[in-house]
Structures are given as structure tokens and as C-alpha cells.
Amino acid sequence: MMRLAIFVCCVLLAAPAHAHPDGAPWGSADPDTFNSCAACHFDHEPVGRSPAIVIAGLPDMTSPGEAYELTLRFDAGAAPKAGFLLSATSGAFEAIDEFLETRDGEVRSIKTITPENGVATWTMRWRAGETAADVVTFHVGANAADDDRSPFGDKLHFRKFEVWIRGDGE
């Protein structure tokens, strides 16, 4: 019954509620709001802890202020388009890739891209915060999209990564 209600709402609100071709809404990579993605992309069950998402270049441990070039790889399968939103609980991102936009501790694709051999990649720089913290958590939400700007056919993937920031003298 609930699924039918969501379906009816999305169909009735299709014009204003369809895809976000300019990027996922800021803040939607937060694990408490992942369900907001599924409200409009509900044709498939979201994939939690998705092995389709990998962040190359992410260290296990870093020092305050250290910078890393990261490449987000997303195996979108047969989907013709892909997009993502990545958030970090500390530090800041810098867009290197022309298809990216940053705000505070988040970076997102602002244009869905066509995966090459099923894999979409985006490159960015992340700089650890200046204050030592126990751990920085990265949350990624990625969408394997069918490019029809409807709530049907897209498949959401989510994954969490952690990096330890050591304090002075560690």
C-alpha cells in the first residue's frame, strides 16, 4: 500500500519531482537521508555497502591538512548514465573533474556521465581537516540511471568509507 502511495505521488508530481540532472540535492549522502533518494528512485531496492563503489587514493590514515587526489569509481553496469554525491564528516573537497561541484564537505557530479565499459569515474582532491579527529567518515550515494528522467529504471548504490586522522606525535 505504501509503495502504491509513493508511486501515485511521484506520477502526479512528475514534472517537479523527476530526476536531478544538475546533481543530487546537497546533504542527501547523509545516511539518515538516503531514503529521500529512494523516494524518487524506487524501481529497484537500493544497494547498501555496494561493492560497485570504490574510492582509489583514499588512505587508511592521514595527518591534519594532508591532501589526496581521489578517484571515485562506480560500476554502473549496463546503465547509460551515472552520477554521485560524496560527503565527508571533516575536511574539504576540490573539484578537479569538470563534471564536479563542491560545497563544504561534499562533492557531487553536476552532469550525469556515460560510463566507459560500465564504469564511471570522477577525480577530486580531498584535504583532511586541520584538527585531529578520531575518524572521518565518507558517505557515497551513486545512481546507475537509465536517463529517462523518470523515477523508474534507476538503481541507487550506497557505501561508507573511514579514514583515521592522527594527532600530533602519533
N, C-alpha and C. Protein backbone atom coordinates (compact mmCIF):
# COMPACT_ATOMS: atom_id res chain seq x y z
N MET A 1 0.82 -1.19 0.00
CA MET A 1 0.00 0.00 0.00
C MET A 1 0.87 1.26 0.00
N MET A 2 1.91 1.26 0.85
CA MET A 2 2.80 2.42 0.92
C MET A 2 3.52 2.63 -0.41
N ARG A 3 3.97 1.56 -1.03
CA ARG A 3 4.66 1.66 -2.31
C ARG A 3 3.74 2.26 -3.37
N LEU A 4 2.45 1.89 -3.35
CA LEU A 4 1.47 2.43 -4.28
C LEU A 4 1.29 3.92 -4.04
N ALA A 5 1.24 4.33 -2.78
CA ALA A 5 1.08 5.75 -2.46
C ALA A 5 2.27 6.56 -2.96
N ILE A 6 3.47 6.05 -2.77
CA ILE A 6 4.67 6.74 -3.27
C ILE A 6 4.63 6.82 -4.78
N PHE A 7 4.24 5.72 -5.43
CA PHE A 7 4.14 5.70 -6.89
C PHE A 7 3.16 6.76 -7.37
N VAL A 8 1.98 6.83 -6.79
CA VAL A 8 0.97 7.80 -7.21
C VAL A 8 1.48 9.22 -7.02
N CYS A 9 2.11 9.49 -5.88
CA CYS A 9 2.65 10.83 -5.63
C CYS A 9 3.69 11.22 -6.67
N CYS A 10 4.59 10.30 -6.97
CA CYS A 10 5.64 10.60 -7.96
C CYS A 10 5.06 10.80 -9.34
N VAL A 11 4.06 10.02 -9.72
CA VAL A 11 3.45 10.18 -11.03
C VAL A 11 2.73 11.52 -11.11
N LEU A 12 1.99 11.88 -10.06
CA LEU A 12 1.25 13.14 -10.06
C LEU A 12 2.17 14.35 -10.01
N LEU A 13 3.31 14.19 -9.40
CA LEU A 13 4.27 15.29 -9.28
C LEU A 13 5.44 15.13 -10.23
N ALA A 14 5.26 14.40 -11.29
CA ALA A 14 6.37 14.04 -12.18
C ALA A 14 7.13 15.24 -12.69
N ALA A 15 6.47 16.29 -13.07
CA ALA A 15 7.18 17.44 -13.63
C ALA A 15 8.17 18.03 -12.64
N PRO A 16 7.74 18.41 -11.41
CA PRO A 16 8.72 18.98 -10.49
C PRO A 16 9.56 17.96 -9.75
N ALA A 17 9.15 16.70 -9.72
CA ALA A 17 9.83 15.74 -8.87
C ALA A 17 10.73 14.78 -9.62
N HIS A 18 10.85 14.93 -10.94
CA HIS A 18 11.70 13.98 -11.65
C HIS A 18 13.17 14.20 -11.35
N ALA A 19 14.02 13.55 -12.03
CA ALA A 19 15.46 13.48 -11.77
C ALA A 19 16.09 14.84 -11.45
N HIS A 20 17.27 14.78 -10.87
CA HIS A 20 18.07 15.96 -10.58
C HIS A 20 19.26 15.96 -11.55
N PRO A 21 19.05 16.39 -12.79
CA PRO A 21 20.13 16.32 -13.78
C PRO A 21 21.32 17.22 -13.44
N ASP A 22 21.12 18.20 -12.55
CA ASP A 22 22.21 19.09 -12.16
C ASP A 22 22.90 18.63 -10.90
N GLY A 23 22.63 17.41 -10.45
CA GLY A 23 23.30 16.85 -9.28
C GLY A 23 22.32 16.52 -8.18
N ALA A 24 22.72 15.55 -7.38
CA ALA A 24 21.89 15.15 -6.22
C ALA A 24 21.77 16.33 -5.28
N PRO A 25 20.65 16.44 -4.57
CA PRO A 25 20.49 17.54 -3.61
C PRO A 25 21.58 17.48 -2.53
N TRP A 26 22.15 18.64 -2.21
CA TRP A 26 23.16 18.68 -1.16
C TRP A 26 22.60 18.06 0.11
N GLY A 27 23.43 17.33 0.82
CA GLY A 27 23.05 16.72 2.08
C GLY A 27 22.40 15.36 1.94
N SER A 28 22.13 14.92 0.73
CA SER A 28 21.42 13.65 0.58
C SER A 28 22.33 12.43 0.66
N ALA A 29 23.64 12.61 0.81
CA ALA A 29 24.53 11.47 1.01
C ALA A 29 24.59 11.07 2.47
N ASP A 30 24.00 11.88 3.35
CA ASP A 30 23.95 11.57 4.76
C ASP A 30 23.13 10.29 4.95
N PRO A 31 23.61 9.36 5.76
CA PRO A 31 22.91 8.08 5.90
C PRO A 31 21.49 8.22 6.42
N ASP A 32 21.20 9.29 7.15
CA ASP A 32 19.85 9.48 7.66
C ASP A 32 18.88 9.93 6.57
N THR A 33 19.40 10.41 5.45
CA THR A 33 18.52 10.89 4.38
C THR A 33 18.60 10.05 3.12
N PHE A 34 19.30 8.91 3.15
CA PHE A 34 19.36 8.05 1.97
C PHE A 34 17.97 7.71 1.46
N ASN A 35 17.02 7.55 2.38
CA ASN A 35 15.67 7.20 1.95
C ASN A 35 15.05 8.29 1.10
N SER A 36 15.53 9.54 1.22
CA SER A 36 14.99 10.60 0.38
C SER A 36 15.33 10.34 -1.09
N CYS A 37 16.45 9.70 -1.35
CA CYS A 37 16.81 9.34 -2.73
C CYS A 37 15.83 8.29 -3.26
N ALA A 38 15.54 7.31 -2.42
CA ALA A 38 14.66 6.21 -2.82
C ALA A 38 13.22 6.67 -3.01
N ALA A 39 12.87 7.86 -2.53
CA ALA A 39 11.51 8.36 -2.73
C ALA A 39 11.23 8.61 -4.21
N CYS A 40 12.27 8.97 -4.96
CA CYS A 40 12.07 9.24 -6.39
C CYS A 40 12.78 8.23 -7.30
N HIS A 41 13.57 7.37 -6.73
CA HIS A 41 14.25 6.32 -7.49
C HIS A 41 13.88 5.00 -6.83
N PHE A 42 12.65 4.57 -7.02
CA PHE A 42 12.14 3.44 -6.25
C PHE A 42 11.88 2.19 -7.06
N ASP A 43 12.33 2.14 -8.27
CA ASP A 43 12.07 0.98 -9.12
C ASP A 43 12.88 -0.24 -8.67
N HIS A 44 14.04 -0.01 -8.06
CA HIS A 44 14.90 -1.09 -7.56
C HIS A 44 15.21 -0.82 -6.09
N GLU A 45 15.46 -1.88 -5.35
CA GLU A 45 15.91 -1.71 -3.96
C GLU A 45 17.31 -1.10 -3.97
N PRO A 46 17.58 -0.08 -3.14
CA PRO A 46 18.93 0.47 -3.06
C PRO A 46 19.93 -0.60 -2.60
N VAL A 47 21.15 -0.50 -3.09
CA VAL A 47 22.21 -1.44 -2.74
C VAL A 47 23.07 -0.79 -1.66
N GLY A 48 22.96 -1.25 -0.43
CA GLY A 48 23.78 -0.75 0.67
C GLY A 48 25.11 -1.47 0.69
N ARG A 49 26.14 -0.80 1.19
CA ARG A 49 27.51 -1.36 1.22
C ARG A 49 27.91 -1.88 -0.16
N SER A 50 27.58 -1.11 -1.16
CA SER A 50 27.76 -1.56 -2.54
C SER A 50 29.22 -1.75 -2.93
N PRO A 51 29.57 -2.94 -3.40
CA PRO A 51 30.93 -3.17 -3.90
C PRO A 51 31.17 -2.48 -5.25
N ALA A 52 30.11 -1.91 -5.83
CA ALA A 52 30.24 -1.20 -7.11
C ALA A 52 30.90 0.16 -6.93
N ILE A 53 31.04 0.63 -5.69
CA ILE A 53 31.64 1.94 -5.40
C ILE A 53 33.01 1.73 -4.77
N VAL A 54 34.03 2.35 -5.36
CA VAL A 54 35.40 2.28 -4.85
C VAL A 54 35.98 3.69 -4.88
N ILE A 55 36.73 4.07 -3.85
CA ILE A 55 37.46 5.34 -3.87
C ILE A 55 38.94 5.03 -3.89
N ALA A 56 39.57 5.20 -5.04
CA ALA A 56 41.01 4.98 -5.19
C ALA A 56 41.75 6.20 -4.66
N GLY A 57 42.84 5.95 -3.92
CA GLY A 57 43.66 7.03 -3.38
C GLY A 57 43.31 7.43 -1.97
N LEU A 58 42.27 6.86 -1.40
CA LEU A 58 41.86 7.19 -0.04
C LEU A 58 42.77 6.44 0.92
N PRO A 59 43.48 7.16 1.79
CA PRO A 59 44.40 6.47 2.70
C PRO A 59 43.65 5.83 3.87
N ASP A 60 44.31 4.92 4.55
CA ASP A 60 43.74 4.35 5.78
C ASP A 60 43.89 5.33 6.93
N MET A 61 45.00 6.10 6.89
CA MET A 61 45.30 7.05 7.96
C MET A 61 46.00 8.26 7.35
N THR A 62 45.76 9.44 7.91
CA THR A 62 46.37 10.66 7.41
C THR A 62 46.65 11.61 8.57
N SER A 63 47.28 12.72 8.27
CA SER A 63 47.55 13.77 9.25
C SER A 63 46.68 14.98 8.92
N PRO A 64 46.42 15.83 9.91
CA PRO A 64 45.62 17.03 9.64
C PRO A 64 46.21 17.85 8.49
N GLY A 65 45.36 18.31 7.59
CA GLY A 65 45.78 19.16 6.47
C GLY A 65 46.34 18.45 5.25
N GLU A 66 46.59 17.15 5.34
CA GLU A 66 47.11 16.41 4.19
C GLU A 66 46.08 16.37 3.06
N ALA A 67 46.57 16.43 1.81
CA ALA A 67 45.68 16.42 0.64
C ALA A 67 45.91 15.16 -0.18
N TYR A 68 44.84 14.66 -0.76
CA TYR A 68 44.89 13.44 -1.57
C TYR A 68 44.06 13.61 -2.82
N GLU A 69 44.57 13.14 -3.95
CA GLU A 69 43.77 13.07 -5.16
C GLU A 69 43.02 11.74 -5.12
N LEU A 70 41.71 11.83 -5.19
CA LEU A 70 40.86 10.65 -5.10
C LEU A 70 40.15 10.42 -6.43
N THR A 71 39.94 9.17 -6.77
CA THR A 71 39.14 8.83 -7.94
C THR A 71 38.01 7.93 -7.48
N LEU A 72 36.80 8.42 -7.65
CA LEU A 72 35.62 7.64 -7.34
C LEU A 72 35.28 6.81 -8.58
N ARG A 73 35.24 5.49 -8.39
CA ARG A 73 34.88 4.56 -9.47
C ARG A 73 33.55 3.93 -9.12
N PHE A 74 32.64 3.94 -10.08
CA PHE A 74 31.32 3.38 -9.86
C PHE A 74 30.98 2.47 -11.03
N ASP A 75 30.81 1.19 -10.73
CA ASP A 75 30.42 0.23 -11.76
C ASP A 75 28.91 0.32 -11.91
N ALA A 76 28.48 1.04 -12.93
CA ALA A 76 27.06 1.28 -13.16
C ALA A 76 26.40 0.19 -13.98
N GLY A 77 27.15 -0.87 -14.29
CA GLY A 77 26.59 -1.97 -15.07
C GLY A 77 26.21 -1.52 -16.47
N ALA A 78 25.01 -1.86 -16.91
CA ALA A 78 24.55 -1.52 -18.25
C ALA A 78 23.87 -0.16 -18.31
N ALA A 79 23.82 0.58 -17.20
CA ALA A 79 23.16 1.88 -17.19
C ALA A 79 23.86 2.86 -18.13
N PRO A 80 23.09 3.63 -18.91
CA PRO A 80 23.71 4.57 -19.84
C PRO A 80 24.25 5.84 -19.18
N LYS A 81 23.84 6.16 -17.94
CA LYS A 81 24.30 7.36 -17.25
C LYS A 81 24.57 7.05 -15.78
N ALA A 82 25.42 7.87 -15.16
CA ALA A 82 25.75 7.68 -13.75
C ALA A 82 26.03 9.04 -13.11
N GLY A 83 25.74 9.12 -11.82
CA GLY A 83 26.02 10.32 -11.04
C GLY A 83 26.25 9.93 -9.59
N PHE A 84 26.73 10.87 -8.76
CA PHE A 84 27.02 10.55 -7.36
C PHE A 84 27.00 11.78 -6.49
N LEU A 85 26.96 11.57 -5.18
CA LEU A 85 27.19 12.58 -4.15
C LEU A 85 28.04 11.92 -3.09
N LEU A 86 29.13 12.59 -2.70
CA LEU A 86 30.07 12.09 -1.69
C LEU A 86 30.19 13.15 -0.61
N SER A 87 30.06 12.73 0.66
CA SER A 87 30.24 13.66 1.77
C SER A 87 31.32 13.13 2.70
N ALA A 88 31.99 14.05 3.39
CA ALA A 88 32.99 13.71 4.40
C ALA A 88 32.65 14.47 5.67
N THR A 89 32.81 13.81 6.82
CA THR A 89 32.47 14.45 8.08
C THR A 89 33.51 15.47 8.52
N SER A 90 34.64 15.53 7.83
CA SER A 90 35.69 16.51 8.12
C SER A 90 36.50 16.74 6.86
N GLY A 91 37.08 17.92 6.74
CA GLY A 91 37.89 18.22 5.58
C GLY A 91 37.08 18.87 4.47
N ALA A 92 37.72 19.05 3.32
CA ALA A 92 37.08 19.75 2.20
C ALA A 92 37.49 19.11 0.89
N PHE A 93 36.62 19.23 -0.10
CA PHE A 93 36.88 18.72 -1.44
C PHE A 93 37.19 19.86 -2.39
N GLU A 94 37.97 19.55 -3.41
CA GLU A 94 38.24 20.47 -4.51
C GLU A 94 37.92 19.71 -5.79
N ALA A 95 37.14 20.35 -6.67
CA ALA A 95 36.79 19.71 -7.93
C ALA A 95 37.97 19.78 -8.89
N ILE A 96 38.36 18.64 -9.41
CA ILE A 96 39.38 18.57 -10.46
C ILE A 96 38.68 18.25 -11.78
N ASP A 97 37.73 17.35 -11.70
CA ASP A 97 36.94 16.90 -12.85
C ASP A 97 35.96 18.01 -13.24
N GLU A 98 35.80 18.26 -14.52
CA GLU A 98 34.89 19.31 -14.99
C GLU A 98 33.43 19.03 -14.70
N PHE A 99 33.09 17.80 -14.37
CA PHE A 99 31.70 17.44 -14.11
C PHE A 99 31.36 17.48 -12.63
N LEU A 100 32.20 18.13 -11.80
CA LEU A 100 32.01 18.14 -10.35
C LEU A 100 31.75 19.53 -9.81
N GLU A 101 31.09 19.55 -8.64
CA GLU A 101 30.84 20.77 -7.90
C GLU A 101 31.03 20.43 -6.42
N THR A 102 31.60 21.37 -5.65
CA THR A 102 31.82 21.13 -4.23
C THR A 102 31.09 22.17 -3.39
N ARG A 103 30.77 21.76 -2.17
CA ARG A 103 30.18 22.67 -1.19
C ARG A 103 30.46 22.09 0.18
N ASP A 104 31.14 22.87 1.01
CA ASP A 104 31.51 22.42 2.34
C ASP A 104 32.21 21.06 2.24
N GLY A 105 31.76 20.05 2.95
CA GLY A 105 32.41 18.74 2.94
C GLY A 105 31.75 17.79 1.96
N GLU A 106 31.23 18.32 0.85
CA GLU A 106 30.56 17.46 -0.13
C GLU A 106 31.07 17.75 -1.54
N VAL A 107 30.97 16.74 -2.37
CA VAL A 107 31.28 16.88 -3.79
C VAL A 107 30.24 16.04 -4.54
N ARG A 108 29.79 16.54 -5.69
CA ARG A 108 28.79 15.81 -6.46
C ARG A 108 29.04 16.00 -7.95
N SER A 109 28.50 15.05 -8.70
CA SER A 109 28.52 15.20 -10.14
C SER A 109 27.39 16.17 -10.49
N ILE A 110 27.69 17.11 -11.38
CA ILE A 110 26.67 18.07 -11.79
C ILE A 110 26.13 17.75 -13.17
N LYS A 111 26.65 16.68 -13.73
CA LYS A 111 26.15 16.19 -15.00
C LYS A 111 26.33 14.68 -14.98
N THR A 112 25.27 13.96 -15.32
CA THR A 112 25.45 12.52 -15.40
C THR A 112 26.40 12.23 -16.55
N ILE A 113 27.23 11.24 -16.39
CA ILE A 113 28.19 10.90 -17.44
C ILE A 113 27.90 9.50 -17.96
N THR A 114 28.41 9.24 -19.15
CA THR A 114 28.26 7.93 -19.75
C THR A 114 29.41 7.05 -19.28
N PRO A 115 29.12 5.97 -18.58
CA PRO A 115 30.19 5.09 -18.10
C PRO A 115 30.93 4.44 -19.29
N GLU A 116 32.24 4.31 -19.13
CA GLU A 116 33.05 3.63 -20.14
C GLU A 116 33.19 2.17 -19.71
N ASN A 117 32.75 1.25 -20.55
CA ASN A 117 32.72 -0.18 -20.22
C ASN A 117 31.97 -0.44 -18.91
N GLY A 118 30.93 0.36 -18.66
CA GLY A 118 30.10 0.19 -17.47
C GLY A 118 30.60 0.91 -16.23
N VAL A 119 31.82 1.48 -16.29
CA VAL A 119 32.41 2.12 -15.11
C VAL A 119 32.51 3.63 -15.31
N ALA A 120 31.94 4.38 -14.37
CA ALA A 120 32.04 5.84 -14.36
C ALA A 120 33.14 6.24 -13.38
N THR A 121 33.94 7.24 -13.73
CA THR A 121 35.00 7.72 -12.82
C THR A 121 34.97 9.24 -12.75
N TRP A 122 35.26 9.73 -11.55
CA TRP A 122 35.38 11.16 -11.31
C TRP A 122 36.62 11.36 -10.43
N THR A 123 37.37 12.43 -10.67
CA THR A 123 38.57 12.70 -9.88
C THR A 123 38.40 14.02 -9.13
N MET A 124 38.79 14.00 -7.85
CA MET A 124 38.68 15.17 -6.99
C MET A 124 39.86 15.18 -6.02
N ARG A 125 40.01 16.27 -5.30
CA ARG A 125 41.03 16.34 -4.25
C ARG A 125 40.30 16.50 -2.92
N TRP A 126 40.75 15.76 -1.91
CA TRP A 126 40.22 15.90 -0.55
C TRP A 126 41.38 16.28 0.36
N ARG A 127 41.16 17.31 1.18
CA ARG A 127 42.14 17.73 2.18
C ARG A 127 41.56 17.47 3.55
N ALA A 128 42.31 16.73 4.36
CA ALA A 128 41.87 16.43 5.73
C ALA A 128 41.73 17.73 6.50
N GLY A 129 40.82 17.75 7.46
CA GLY A 129 40.66 18.93 8.31
C GLY A 129 41.93 19.22 9.08
N GLU A 130 42.06 20.44 9.56
CA GLU A 130 43.27 20.87 10.27
C GLU A 130 43.32 20.36 11.71
N THR A 131 42.20 19.88 12.23
CA THR A 131 42.14 19.38 13.60
C THR A 131 42.11 17.86 13.58
N ALA A 132 42.91 17.28 14.45
CA ALA A 132 42.90 15.82 14.54
C ALA A 132 41.52 15.34 14.99
N ALA A 133 41.08 14.29 14.38
CA ALA A 133 39.80 13.66 14.74
C ALA A 133 40.05 12.17 14.80
N ASP A 134 39.20 11.46 15.50
CA ASP A 134 39.37 10.02 15.56
C ASP A 134 39.23 9.40 14.18
N VAL A 135 38.16 9.77 13.49
CA VAL A 135 37.87 9.16 12.20
C VAL A 135 37.05 10.13 11.35
N VAL A 136 37.30 10.10 10.07
CA VAL A 136 36.48 10.83 9.11
C VAL A 136 35.68 9.79 8.34
N THR A 137 34.38 10.00 8.28
CA THR A 137 33.51 9.07 7.56
C THR A 137 33.10 9.68 6.23
N PHE A 138 33.24 8.90 5.18
CA PHE A 138 32.83 9.29 3.83
C PHE A 138 31.58 8.49 3.48
N HIS A 139 30.54 9.18 3.06
CA HIS A 139 29.31 8.53 2.61
C HIS A 139 29.15 8.82 1.12
N VAL A 140 28.92 7.76 0.34
CA VAL A 140 28.74 7.91 -1.11
C VAL A 140 27.36 7.38 -1.49
N GLY A 141 26.65 8.17 -2.26
CA GLY A 141 25.43 7.72 -2.91
C GLY A 141 25.65 7.84 -4.40
N ALA A 142 25.44 6.77 -5.15
CA ALA A 142 25.64 6.78 -6.61
C ALA A 142 24.39 6.23 -7.28
N ASN A 143 24.13 6.73 -8.48
CA ASN A 143 22.93 6.35 -9.20
C ASN A 143 23.30 5.81 -10.58
N ALA A 144 22.92 4.57 -10.85
CA ALA A 144 23.03 3.99 -12.19
C ALA A 144 21.71 4.33 -12.87
N ALA A 145 21.73 5.33 -13.75
CA ALA A 145 20.50 5.90 -14.30
C ALA A 145 20.23 5.44 -15.72
N ASP A 146 18.93 5.30 -16.01
CA ASP A 146 18.54 4.91 -17.37
C ASP A 146 18.33 6.13 -18.27
N ASP A 147 18.49 7.33 -17.73
CA ASP A 147 18.47 8.59 -18.49
C ASP A 147 17.10 8.93 -19.07
N ASP A 148 16.02 8.45 -18.46
CA ASP A 148 14.70 8.82 -18.98
C ASP A 148 14.01 9.89 -18.11
N ARG A 149 14.71 10.39 -17.09
CA ARG A 149 14.23 11.44 -16.19
C ARG A 149 12.92 11.08 -15.50
N SER A 150 12.76 9.80 -15.25
CA SER A 150 11.59 9.34 -14.50
C SER A 150 12.07 8.59 -13.26
N PRO A 151 11.17 8.27 -12.34
CA PRO A 151 11.59 7.54 -11.14
C PRO A 151 11.81 6.05 -11.40
N PHE A 152 11.64 5.61 -12.61
CA PHE A 152 11.75 4.20 -12.93
C PHE A 152 13.09 3.87 -13.58
N GLY A 153 13.60 2.66 -13.31
CA GLY A 153 14.78 2.16 -14.01
C GLY A 153 16.12 2.52 -13.40
N ASP A 154 16.18 3.47 -12.48
CA ASP A 154 17.45 3.86 -11.86
C ASP A 154 17.74 2.94 -10.68
N LYS A 155 19.03 2.71 -10.41
CA LYS A 155 19.41 1.86 -9.28
C LYS A 155 20.41 2.61 -8.41
N LEU A 156 20.05 2.79 -7.16
CA LEU A 156 20.89 3.51 -6.20
C LEU A 156 21.86 2.57 -5.51
N HIS A 157 23.07 3.08 -5.26
CA HIS A 157 24.10 2.34 -4.54
C HIS A 157 24.65 3.26 -3.45
N PHE A 158 24.94 2.70 -2.29
CA PHE A 158 25.50 3.47 -1.18
C PHE A 158 26.67 2.73 -0.57
N ARG A 159 27.64 3.50 -0.06
CA ARG A 159 28.77 2.88 0.61
C ARG A 159 29.42 3.89 1.56
N LYS A 160 30.01 3.37 2.62
CA LYS A 160 30.68 4.19 3.63
C LYS A 160 32.14 3.78 3.70
N PHE A 161 33.03 4.79 3.83
CA PHE A 161 34.46 4.56 4.00
C PHE A 161 34.91 5.36 5.21
N GLU A 162 35.99 4.90 5.88
CA GLU A 162 36.53 5.63 7.03
C GLU A 162 38.03 5.82 6.90
N VAL A 163 38.48 7.00 7.35
CA VAL A 163 39.91 7.34 7.36
C VAL A 163 40.22 7.88 8.76
N TRP A 164 41.28 7.38 9.34
CA TRP A 164 41.74 7.84 10.64
C TRP A 164 42.66 9.02 10.48
N ILE A 165 42.46 10.09 11.29
CA ILE A 165 43.34 11.24 11.30
C ILE A 165 44.11 11.22 12.60
N ARG A 166 45.42 11.09 12.49
CA ARG A 166 46.24 11.02 13.70
C ARG A 166 46.55 12.41 14.21
N GLY A 167 46.67 12.53 15.51
CA GLY A 167 47.01 13.79 16.14
C GLY A 167 48.51 14.00 16.14
N ASP A 168 48.98 15.11 16.68
CA ASP A 168 50.41 15.41 16.76
C ASP A 168 51.13 14.35 17.55
N GLY A 169 52.26 13.92 17.08
CA GLY A 169 53.10 12.98 17.78
C GLY A 169 52.68 11.53 17.66
N GLU A 170 51.67 11.24 16.85
CA GLU A 170 51.23 9.83 16.70
C GLU A 170 51.90 9.19 15.52
